[in-house]
Amino acid sequence: MGNRIGGRRKAGVEERYTRPQGLYEHRDIDQKKLRKLILEAKLAPCYPGADDAAGGDLEECPICFLV
């Protein structure tokens, strides 16, 4: 009674991560479709980018000299 067979509970995504974020305008995006695909776990959530590396001590690439 009340047991789900083979069902797995999905981790919820905060509502703010179901909308595009950043500097650019996204006029041609269907917001409802984007939200649906994110909640169905078919697309990754729209997390904001970070300016600083949060990893701490990073090494420089010997080929391109980027961190």
PDB file of N, CA and C in Angstrom:
ATOM      1  N   MET A   1       0.831  -1.173   0.000  1.00  0.00           N
ATOM      2  CA  MET A   1       0.000   0.000   0.000  1.00  0.00           C
ATOM      3  C   MET A   1       0.879   1.242   0.000  1.00  0.00           C
ATOM      4  N   GLY A   2       0.766   2.011  -1.032  1.00  0.00           N
ATOM      5  CA  GLY A   2       1.503   3.254  -1.098  1.00  0.00           C
ATOM      6  C   GLY A   2       2.953   3.111  -1.509  1.00  0.00           C
ATOM      7  N   ASN A   3       3.410   1.903  -1.754  1.00  0.00           N
ATOM      8  CA  ASN A   3       4.796   1.717  -2.167  1.00  0.00           C
ATOM      9  C   ASN A   3       4.926   1.948  -3.664  1.00  0.00           C
ATOM     10  N   ARG A   4       6.014   2.531  -4.033  1.00  0.00           N
ATOM     11  CA  ARG A   4       6.282   2.741  -5.457  1.00  0.00           C
ATOM     12  C   ARG A   4       7.203   1.634  -5.935  1.00  0.00           C
ATOM     13  N   ILE A   5       6.846   1.025  -7.018  1.00  0.00           N
ATOM     14  CA  ILE A   5       7.662  -0.051  -7.574  1.00  0.00           C
ATOM     15  C   ILE A   5       8.630   0.553  -8.588  1.00  0.00           C
ATOM     16  N   GLY A   6       9.915   0.386  -8.303  1.00  0.00           N
ATOM     17  CA  GLY A   6      10.936   0.862  -9.227  1.00  0.00           C
ATOM     18  C   GLY A   6      11.017   2.370  -9.334  1.00  0.00           C
ATOM     19  N   GLY A   7      10.249   3.070  -8.555  1.00  0.00           N
ATOM     20  CA  GLY A   7      10.254   4.530  -8.620  1.00  0.00           C
ATOM     21  C   GLY A   7      11.409   5.113  -7.830  1.00  0.00           C
ATOM     22  N   ARG A   8      11.934   6.183  -8.333  1.00  0.00           N
ATOM     23  CA  ARG A   8      13.029   6.861  -7.663  1.00  0.00           C
ATOM     24  C   ARG A   8      12.630   8.310  -7.491  1.00  0.00           C
ATOM     25  N   ARG A   9      12.804   8.820  -6.323  1.00  0.00           N
ATOM     26  CA  ARG A   9      12.437  10.207  -6.064  1.00  0.00           C
ATOM     27  C   ARG A   9      13.498  11.122  -6.647  1.00  0.00           C
ATOM     28  N   LYS A  10      13.060  12.086  -7.460  1.00  0.00           N
ATOM     29  CA  LYS A  10      13.979  13.024  -8.088  1.00  0.00           C
ATOM     30  C   LYS A  10      14.297  14.164  -7.140  1.00  0.00           C
ATOM     31  N   ALA A  11      15.531  14.590  -7.196  1.00  0.00           N
ATOM     32  CA  ALA A  11      15.916  15.756  -6.409  1.00  0.00           C
ATOM     33  C   ALA A  11      15.313  16.987  -7.071  1.00  0.00           C
ATOM     34  N   GLY A  12      14.718  17.853  -6.300  1.00  0.00           N
ATOM     35  CA  GLY A  12      14.088  19.047  -6.842  1.00  0.00           C
ATOM     36  C   GLY A  12      15.107  20.091  -7.244  1.00  0.00           C
ATOM     37  N   VAL A  13      14.726  20.898  -8.196  1.00  0.00           N
ATOM     38  CA  VAL A  13      15.559  22.002  -8.658  1.00  0.00           C
ATOM     39  C   VAL A  13      14.864  23.281  -8.227  1.00  0.00           C
ATOM     40  N   GLU A  14      15.633  24.207  -7.648  1.00  0.00           N
ATOM     41  CA  GLU A  14      15.050  25.476  -7.249  1.00  0.00           C
ATOM     42  C   GLU A  14      14.505  26.200  -8.478  1.00  0.00           C
ATOM     43  N   GLU A  15      13.396  26.886  -8.284  1.00  0.00           N
ATOM     44  CA  GLU A  15      12.712  27.562  -9.386  1.00  0.00           C
ATOM     45  C   GLU A  15      13.610  28.574 -10.104  1.00  0.00           C
ATOM     46  N   ARG A  16      14.476  29.253  -9.366  1.00  0.00           N
ATOM     47  CA  ARG A  16      15.334  30.263  -9.999  1.00  0.00           C
ATOM     48  C   ARG A  16      16.335  29.662 -10.977  1.00  0.00           C
ATOM     49  N   TYR A  17      16.635  28.377 -10.864  1.00  0.00           N
ATOM     50  CA  TYR A  17      17.571  27.727 -11.776  1.00  0.00           C
ATOM     51  C   TYR A  17      16.890  27.146 -13.011  1.00  0.00           C
ATOM     52  N   THR A  18      15.593  27.382 -13.155  1.00  0.00           N
ATOM     53  CA  THR A  18      14.883  26.910 -14.347  1.00  0.00           C
ATOM     54  C   THR A  18      14.756  28.015 -15.380  1.00  0.00           C
ATOM     55  N   ARG A  19      15.384  29.169 -15.142  1.00  0.00           N
ATOM     56  CA  ARG A  19      15.375  30.291 -16.079  1.00  0.00           C
ATOM     57  C   ARG A  19      16.815  30.636 -16.450  1.00  0.00           C
ATOM     58  N   PRO A  20      17.036  31.084 -17.679  1.00  0.00           N
ATOM     59  CA  PRO A  20      18.390  31.483 -18.080  1.00  0.00           C
ATOM     60  C   PRO A  20      18.904  32.620 -17.209  1.00  0.00           C
ATOM     61  N   GLN A  21      20.204  32.599 -16.934  1.00  0.00           N
ATOM     62  CA  GLN A  21      20.824  33.630 -16.115  1.00  0.00           C
ATOM     63  C   GLN A  21      22.072  34.117 -16.821  1.00  0.00           C
ATOM     64  N   GLY A  22      22.436  35.327 -16.558  1.00  0.00           N
ATOM     65  CA  GLY A  22      23.673  35.835 -17.132  1.00  0.00           C
ATOM     66  C   GLY A  22      23.501  37.188 -17.763  1.00  0.00           C
ATOM     67  N   LEU A  23      24.463  37.567 -18.568  1.00  0.00           N
ATOM     68  CA  LEU A  23      24.512  38.894 -19.157  1.00  0.00           C
ATOM     69  C   LEU A  23      23.686  39.036 -20.427  1.00  0.00           C
ATOM     70  N   TYR A  24      23.414  37.953 -21.104  1.00  0.00           N
ATOM     71  CA  TYR A  24      22.799  38.011 -22.421  1.00  0.00           C
ATOM     72  C   TYR A  24      21.286  37.888 -22.345  1.00  0.00           C
ATOM     73  N   GLU A  25      20.602  38.556 -23.287  1.00  0.00           N
ATOM     74  CA  GLU A  25      19.156  38.441 -23.378  1.00  0.00           C
ATOM     75  C   GLU A  25      18.811  37.159 -24.130  1.00  0.00           C
ATOM     76  N   HIS A  26      17.780  36.483 -23.672  1.00  0.00           N
ATOM     77  CA  HIS A  26      17.359  35.226 -24.284  1.00  0.00           C
ATOM     78  C   HIS A  26      15.913  35.375 -24.745  1.00  0.00           C
ATOM     79  N   ARG A  27      15.713  36.089 -25.835  1.00  0.00           N
ATOM     80  CA  ARG A  27      14.362  36.380 -26.331  1.00  0.00           C
ATOM     81  C   ARG A  27      13.725  35.184 -27.027  1.00  0.00           C
ATOM     82  N   ASP A  28      14.513  34.347 -27.653  1.00  0.00           N
ATOM     83  CA  ASP A  28      13.951  33.272 -28.474  1.00  0.00           C
ATOM     84  C   ASP A  28      13.829  31.937 -27.731  1.00  0.00           C
ATOM     85  N   ILE A  29      13.857  31.955 -26.416  1.00  0.00           N
ATOM     86  CA  ILE A  29      13.760  30.723 -25.638  1.00  0.00           C
ATOM     87  C   ILE A  29      12.343  30.559 -25.117  1.00  0.00           C
ATOM     88  N   ASP A  30      11.782  29.375 -25.305  1.00  0.00           N
ATOM     89  CA  ASP A  30      10.463  29.053 -24.768  1.00  0.00           C
ATOM     90  C   ASP A  30      10.639  28.689 -23.295  1.00  0.00           C
ATOM     91  N   GLN A  31      10.260  29.604 -22.402  1.00  0.00           N
ATOM     92  CA  GLN A  31      10.487  29.437 -20.970  1.00  0.00           C
ATOM     93  C   GLN A  31       9.775  28.209 -20.403  1.00  0.00           C
ATOM     94  N   LYS A  32       8.560  27.939 -20.855  1.00  0.00           N
ATOM     95  CA  LYS A  32       7.812  26.795 -20.344  1.00  0.00           C
ATOM     96  C   LYS A  32       8.476  25.475 -20.741  1.00  0.00           C
ATOM     97  N   LYS A  33       8.934  25.416 -21.982  1.00  0.00           N
ATOM     98  CA  LYS A  33       9.593  24.206 -22.462  1.00  0.00           C
ATOM     99  C   LYS A  33      10.925  23.989 -21.745  1.00  0.00           C
ATOM    100  N   LEU A  34      11.682  25.075 -21.547  1.00  0.00           N
ATOM    101  CA  LEU A  34      12.957  24.989 -20.842  1.00  0.00           C
ATOM    102  C   LEU A  34      12.742  24.478 -19.422  1.00  0.00           C
ATOM    103  N   ARG A  35      11.773  25.053 -18.719  1.00  0.00           N
ATOM    104  CA  ARG A  35      11.474  24.642 -17.339  1.00  0.00           C
ATOM    105  C   ARG A  35      11.083  23.171 -17.278  1.00  0.00           C
ATOM    106  N   LYS A  36      10.234  22.739 -18.216  1.00  0.00           N
ATOM    107  CA  LYS A  36       9.785  21.341 -18.250  1.00  0.00           C
ATOM    108  C   LYS A  36      10.966  20.389 -18.460  1.00  0.00           C
ATOM    109  N   LEU A  37      11.856  20.713 -19.388  1.00  0.00           N
ATOM    110  CA  LEU A  37      13.005  19.849 -19.668  1.00  0.00           C
ATOM    111  C   LEU A  37      13.968  19.786 -18.485  1.00  0.00           C
ATOM    112  N   ILE A  38      14.135  20.904 -17.780  1.00  0.00           N
ATOM    113  CA  ILE A  38      15.009  20.910 -16.605  1.00  0.00           C
ATOM    114  C   ILE A  38      14.401  20.059 -15.496  1.00  0.00           C
ATOM    115  N   LEU A  39      13.101  20.201 -15.260  1.00  0.00           N
ATOM    116  CA  LEU A  39      12.445  19.428 -14.201  1.00  0.00           C
ATOM    117  C   LEU A  39      12.374  17.939 -14.525  1.00  0.00           C
ATOM    118  N   GLU A  40      12.381  17.589 -15.813  1.00  0.00           N
ATOM    119  CA  GLU A  40      12.402  16.182 -16.228  1.00  0.00           C
ATOM    120  C   GLU A  40      13.826  15.633 -16.270  1.00  0.00           C
ATOM    121  N   ALA A  41      14.803  16.441 -15.908  1.00  0.00           N
ATOM    122  CA  ALA A  41      16.223  16.071 -15.884  1.00  0.00           C
ATOM    123  C   ALA A  41      16.751  15.732 -17.273  1.00  0.00           C
ATOM    124  N   LYS A  42      16.191  16.386 -18.296  1.00  0.00           N
ATOM    125  CA  LYS A  42      16.694  16.209 -19.652  1.00  0.00           C
ATOM    126  C   LYS A  42      17.680  17.310 -20.020  1.00  0.00           C
ATOM    127  N   LEU A  43      17.646  18.415 -19.262  1.00  0.00           N
ATOM    128  CA  LEU A  43      18.608  19.498 -19.414  1.00  0.00           C
ATOM    129  C   LEU A  43      19.158  19.857 -18.041  1.00  0.00           C
ATOM    130  N   ALA A  44      20.368  20.351 -18.019  1.00  0.00           N
ATOM    131  CA  ALA A  44      20.974  20.776 -16.757  1.00  0.00           C
ATOM    132  C   ALA A  44      20.361  22.108 -16.330  1.00  0.00           C
ATOM    133  N   PRO A  45      20.244  22.334 -15.031  1.00  0.00           N
ATOM    134  CA  PRO A  45      19.740  23.621 -14.551  1.00  0.00           C
ATOM    135  C   PRO A  45      20.648  24.776 -14.966  1.00  0.00           C
ATOM    136  N   CYS A  46      20.100  25.971 -15.000  1.00  0.00           N
ATOM    137  CA  CYS A  46      20.831  27.177 -15.408  1.00  0.00           C
ATOM    138  C   CYS A  46      21.495  27.799 -14.188  1.00  0.00           C
ATOM    139  N   TYR A  47      22.601  27.237 -13.754  1.00  0.00           N
ATOM    140  CA  TYR A  47      23.317  27.774 -12.610  1.00  0.00           C
ATOM    141  C   TYR A  47      24.119  28.994 -13.050  1.00  0.00           C
ATOM    142  N   PRO A  48      24.242  29.999 -12.189  1.00  0.00           N
ATOM    143  CA  PRO A  48      25.038  31.175 -12.549  1.00  0.00           C
ATOM    144  C   PRO A  48      26.528  30.842 -12.564  1.00  0.00           C
ATOM    145  N   GLY A  49      27.257  31.513 -13.421  1.00  0.00           N
ATOM    146  CA  GLY A  49      28.694  31.297 -13.499  1.00  0.00           C
ATOM    147  C   GLY A  49      29.410  31.941 -12.334  1.00  0.00           C
ATOM    148  N   ALA A  50      30.610  31.478 -12.054  1.00  0.00           N
ATOM    149  CA  ALA A  50      31.415  32.032 -10.963  1.00  0.00           C
ATOM    150  C   ALA A  50      32.600  32.788 -11.553  1.00  0.00           C
ATOM    151  N   ASP A  51      32.902  33.943 -10.992  1.00  0.00           N
ATOM    152  CA  ASP A  51      34.036  34.730 -11.458  1.00  0.00           C
ATOM    153  C   ASP A  51      35.365  34.175 -10.952  1.00  0.00           C
ATOM    154  N   ASP A  52      35.384  33.690  -9.730  1.00  0.00           N
ATOM    155  CA  ASP A  52      36.614  33.189  -9.123  1.00  0.00           C
ATOM    156  C   ASP A  52      36.625  31.671  -9.119  1.00  0.00           C
ATOM    157  N   ALA A  53      37.810  31.116  -9.228  1.00  0.00           N
ATOM    158  CA  ALA A  53      37.952  29.668  -9.119  1.00  0.00           C
ATOM    159  C   ALA A  53      37.816  29.299  -7.651  1.00  0.00           C
ATOM    160  N   ALA A  54      36.920  28.373  -7.351  1.00  0.00           N
ATOM    161  CA  ALA A  54      36.673  27.993  -5.964  1.00  0.00           C
ATOM    162  C   ALA A  54      37.523  26.801  -5.552  1.00  0.00           C
ATOM    163  N   GLY A  55      38.421  26.372  -6.400  1.00  0.00           N
ATOM    164  CA  GLY A  55      39.210  25.193  -6.120  1.00  0.00           C
ATOM    165  C   GLY A  55      40.413  25.427  -5.227  1.00  0.00           C
ATOM    166  N   GLY A  56      40.819  26.670  -5.080  1.00  0.00           N
ATOM    167  CA  GLY A  56      41.985  26.934  -4.234  1.00  0.00           C
ATOM    168  C   GLY A  56      43.253  27.003  -5.058  1.00  0.00           C
ATOM    169  N   ASP A  57      44.195  26.111  -4.790  1.00  0.00           N
ATOM    170  CA  ASP A  57      45.493  26.106  -5.458  1.00  0.00           C
ATOM    171  C   ASP A  57      45.367  25.418  -6.817  1.00  0.00           C
ATOM    172  N   LEU A  58      45.474  26.192  -7.903  1.00  0.00           N
ATOM    173  CA  LEU A  58      45.336  25.648  -9.253  1.00  0.00           C
ATOM    174  C   LEU A  58      46.671  25.732  -9.976  1.00  0.00           C
ATOM    175  N   GLU A  59      46.867  24.798 -10.888  1.00  0.00           N
ATOM    176  CA  GLU A  59      48.098  24.786 -11.674  1.00  0.00           C
ATOM    177  C   GLU A  59      47.868  25.426 -13.027  1.00  0.00           C
ATOM    178  N   GLU A  60      48.908  25.955 -13.613  1.00  0.00           N
ATOM    179  CA  GLU A  60      48.829  26.558 -14.922  1.00  0.00           C
ATOM    180  C   GLU A  60      49.123  25.507 -15.992  1.00  0.00           C
ATOM    181  N   CYS A  61      48.345  25.543 -17.074  1.00  0.00           N
ATOM    182  CA  CYS A  61      48.533  24.605 -18.180  1.00  0.00           C
ATOM    183  C   CYS A  61      49.819  24.939 -18.915  1.00  0.00           C
ATOM    184  N   PRO A  62      50.718  23.988 -19.124  1.00  0.00           N
ATOM    185  CA  PRO A  62      51.971  24.286 -19.816  1.00  0.00           C
ATOM    186  C   PRO A  62      51.796  24.538 -21.324  1.00  0.00           C
ATOM    187  N   ILE A  63      50.640  24.220 -21.863  1.00  0.00           N
ATOM    188  CA  ILE A  63      50.399  24.417 -23.300  1.00  0.00           C
ATOM    189  C   ILE A  63      49.770  25.774 -23.573  1.00  0.00           C
ATOM    190  N   CYS A  64      48.657  26.083 -22.887  1.00  0.00           N
ATOM    191  CA  CYS A  64      47.956  27.320 -23.176  1.00  0.00           C
ATOM    192  C   CYS A  64      48.166  28.392 -22.113  1.00  0.00           C
ATOM    193  N   PHE A  65      48.832  28.063 -21.030  1.00  0.00           N
ATOM    194  CA  PHE A  65      49.133  28.973 -19.936  1.00  0.00           C
ATOM    195  C   PHE A  65      47.889  29.511 -19.224  1.00  0.00           C
ATOM    196  N   LEU A  66      46.780  28.787 -19.307  1.00  0.00           N
ATOM    197  CA  LEU A  66      45.583  29.124 -18.558  1.00  0.00           C
ATOM    198  C   LEU A  66      45.529  28.294 -17.298  1.00  0.00           C
ATOM    199  N   VAL A  67      44.846  28.806 -16.307  1.00  0.00           N
ATOM    200  CA  VAL A  67      44.726  28.096 -15.026  1.00  0.00           C
ATOM    201  C   VAL A  67      43.740  26.961 -15.179  1.00  0.00           C
TER     202      VAL A  67
END
